[in-house]
Amino acid sequence: MKKAGKITLILAIAAQVICCFGLNLMGGYAFIINGYEKCGYALFASTVLLAAALVVAVFKKVVIPLLLNIGGSLCYIYTIAVLAAIPNTKIPKESTEALMAKHFPTIIVTVLLVLLVFFNFMDEDAVRKRREKRSAAKAAENRSLDEHEKII
């Protein structure tokens, strides 16, 4: 599991650099200068959120990177949805489909971040901590009563 987690981390960093810092930032800038400000800002927000998810996931966290990953994914999905909704009379479908295809690789970042969060969740230390926490809660629940305590 540790080897798979390290490989996933390396792949996630590479995908992050190529897809987010390359494609999404350039695409976001292009959208802004062409009058689609919301799409451009959504791609910038996607880059920031996905990068933050990766940074937090490096520290073996689970919930926060998952939430950041969802937020970042929603941002680039918004851009793809807007491109898909542009009518053929305004911009030919071939052009919008080509733009959408340039942002589909960002899905790889989402998948790799989900895998990284899964490996963090299944890490031996995390499993041990959860097991100890459950045992402590069960022991506190099943402890014997003191003299001054009564069952009502």
Protein backbone atom coordinates (compact mmCIF):
# COMPACT_ATOMS: atom_id res chain seq x y z
CA MET A 1 0.00 0.00 0.00
CA LYS A 2 2.81 2.44 0.80
CA LYS A 3 4.45 1.92 -2.58
CA ALA A 4 1.16 2.46 -4.40
CA GLY A 5 0.57 5.62 -2.36
CA LYS A 6 4.00 7.01 -3.27
CA ILE A 7 3.51 6.20 -6.96
CA THR A 8 0.09 7.84 -6.87
CA LEU A 9 1.59 10.91 -5.20
CA ILE A 10 4.26 11.24 -7.90
CA LEU A 11 1.66 10.80 -10.66
CA ALA A 12 -0.65 13.31 -8.97
CA ILE A 13 2.13 15.90 -8.80
CA ALA A 14 2.97 15.38 -12.48
CA ALA A 15 -0.70 15.56 -13.51
CA GLN A 16 -1.17 18.65 -11.36
CA VAL A 17 1.72 20.45 -13.05
CA ILE A 18 0.62 19.52 -16.58
CA CYS A 19 -3.16 19.79 -16.30
CA CYS A 20 -3.72 22.46 -13.68
CA PHE A 21 -0.68 24.70 -13.91
CA GLY A 22 -0.42 24.23 -17.66
CA LEU A 23 -3.78 23.69 -19.33
CA ASN A 24 -6.14 25.26 -16.81
CA LEU A 25 -4.16 28.43 -16.16
CA MET A 26 -3.58 29.07 -19.87
CA GLY A 27 -7.20 28.21 -20.64
CA GLY A 28 -8.44 30.43 -17.83
CA TYR A 29 -6.43 33.36 -19.13
CA ALA A 30 -7.70 32.74 -22.67
CA PHE A 31 -11.31 32.63 -21.46
CA ILE A 32 -10.92 35.91 -19.58
CA ILE A 33 -9.44 37.82 -22.53
CA ASN A 34 -12.15 36.42 -24.83
CA GLY A 35 -15.06 37.57 -22.68
CA TYR A 36 -15.86 34.40 -20.74
CA GLU A 37 -14.70 35.70 -17.36
CA LYS A 38 -16.71 33.26 -15.25
CA CYS A 39 -15.17 30.28 -17.04
CA GLY A 40 -11.69 31.72 -16.68
CA TYR A 41 -12.11 32.40 -12.98
CA ALA A 42 -13.60 28.93 -12.51
CA LEU A 43 -10.48 27.39 -14.05
CA PHE A 44 -8.26 29.53 -11.79
CA ALA A 45 -10.31 28.46 -8.75
CA SER A 46 -10.08 24.85 -9.90
CA THR A 47 -6.30 25.08 -10.08
CA VAL A 48 -6.05 26.63 -6.62
CA LEU A 49 -8.43 24.12 -5.00
CA LEU A 50 -6.85 21.05 -6.63
CA ALA A 51 -3.35 22.25 -5.71
CA ALA A 52 -4.47 22.84 -2.12
CA ALA A 53 -6.02 19.36 -2.05
CA LEU A 54 -2.71 17.85 -3.14
CA VAL A 55 -0.73 19.81 -0.55
CA VAL A 56 -3.07 18.79 2.27
CA ALA A 57 -3.14 15.17 1.07
CA VAL A 58 0.66 15.05 1.31
CA PHE A 59 0.22 15.51 5.07
CA LYS A 60 -1.88 12.30 5.24
CA LYS A 61 -5.21 14.06 5.75
CA VAL A 62 -8.43 12.58 4.39
CA VAL A 63 -11.51 14.78 4.71
CA ILE A 64 -10.11 18.21 3.81
CA PRO A 65 -8.39 17.10 0.56
CA LEU A 66 -11.53 15.23 -0.44
CA LEU A 67 -13.64 18.38 0.00
CA LEU A 68 -11.08 20.54 -1.82
CA ASN A 69 -10.96 17.96 -4.62
CA ILE A 70 -14.74 18.07 -4.98
CA GLY A 71 -14.71 21.88 -5.09
CA GLY A 72 -11.90 22.01 -7.66
CA SER A 73 -13.59 19.39 -9.79
CA LEU A 74 -16.88 21.29 -9.74
CA CYS A 75 -15.08 24.40 -10.98
CA TYR A 76 -13.61 22.78 -14.09
CA ILE A 77 -16.83 20.84 -14.71
CA TYR A 78 -18.64 24.20 -14.70
CA THR A 79 -16.35 25.42 -17.47
CA ILE A 80 -16.87 22.26 -19.52
CA ALA A 81 -20.65 22.56 -19.04
CA VAL A 82 -20.64 26.19 -20.20
CA LEU A 83 -18.64 25.23 -23.29
CA ALA A 84 -21.08 22.42 -24.05
CA ALA A 85 -24.03 24.81 -23.72
CA ILE A 86 -22.73 27.37 -26.25
CA PRO A 87 -25.09 27.25 -29.23
CA ASN A 88 -23.76 26.14 -32.59
CA THR A 89 -24.93 29.42 -34.13
CA LYS A 90 -22.61 31.45 -31.89
CA ILE A 91 -19.47 29.27 -32.07
CA PRO A 92 -19.15 26.14 -34.22
CA LYS A 93 -19.34 22.88 -32.24
CA GLU A 94 -15.95 21.80 -33.58
CA SER A 95 -14.32 24.75 -31.79
CA THR A 96 -16.11 24.24 -28.48
CA GLU A 97 -15.46 20.49 -28.57
CA ALA A 98 -11.76 21.16 -29.14
CA LEU A 99 -11.71 23.51 -26.14
CA MET A 100 -13.54 20.95 -23.98
CA ALA A 101 -11.08 18.25 -25.01
CA LYS A 102 -8.23 20.39 -23.68
CA HIS A 103 -9.78 20.38 -20.22
CA PHE A 104 -10.80 16.71 -20.01
CA PRO A 105 -7.30 15.64 -18.83
CA THR A 106 -7.99 17.46 -15.57
CA ILE A 107 -10.20 14.49 -14.70
CA ILE A 108 -6.95 12.55 -14.21
CA VAL A 109 -6.01 14.95 -11.39
CA THR A 110 -9.35 14.34 -9.70
CA VAL A 111 -8.99 10.56 -9.93
CA LEU A 112 -5.41 10.58 -8.66
CA LEU A 113 -6.36 12.80 -5.73
CA VAL A 114 -9.22 10.45 -4.81
CA LEU A 115 -6.78 7.53 -4.93
CA LEU A 116 -4.29 9.44 -2.78
CA VAL A 117 -6.98 10.17 -0.21
CA PHE A 118 -7.96 6.48 -0.25
CA PHE A 119 -4.34 5.43 0.38
CA ASN A 120 -4.14 7.98 3.21
CA PHE A 121 -7.32 6.54 4.70
CA MET A 122 -5.99 2.98 4.47
CA ASP A 123 -2.54 3.88 5.83
CA GLU A 124 -1.42 1.58 8.65
CA ASP A 125 -1.06 4.43 11.15
CA ALA A 126 -4.49 5.82 10.31
CA VAL A 127 -6.11 2.39 10.67
CA ARG A 128 -4.35 1.85 13.99
CA LYS A 129 -5.48 5.26 15.30
CA ARG A 130 -9.09 4.59 14.29
CA ARG A 131 -8.97 1.16 15.93
CA GLU A 132 -7.56 2.63 19.17
CA LYS A 133 -10.19 5.36 19.19
CA ARG A 134 -12.97 2.78 18.75
CA SER A 135 -11.51 0.61 21.50
CA ALA A 136 -11.28 3.56 23.88
CA ALA A 137 -14.88 4.55 23.17
CA LYS A 138 -16.06 0.97 23.67
CA ALA A 139 -14.08 0.68 26.93
CA ALA A 140 -15.58 3.95 28.21
CA GLU A 141 -19.07 2.72 27.32
CA ASN A 142 -18.67 -0.68 28.97
CA ARG A 143 -16.83 0.42 32.11
CA SER A 144 -18.09 -0.60 35.54
CA LEU A 145 -20.08 1.93 37.51
CA ASP A 146 -18.65 3.73 40.52
CA GLU A 147 -20.34 3.57 43.91
CA HIS A 148 -22.14 6.92 43.48
CA GLU A 149 -23.43 6.14 39.96
CA LYS A 150 -26.79 4.45 39.36
CA ILE A 151 -28.55 3.05 36.33
CA ILE A 152 -31.87 4.78 35.83
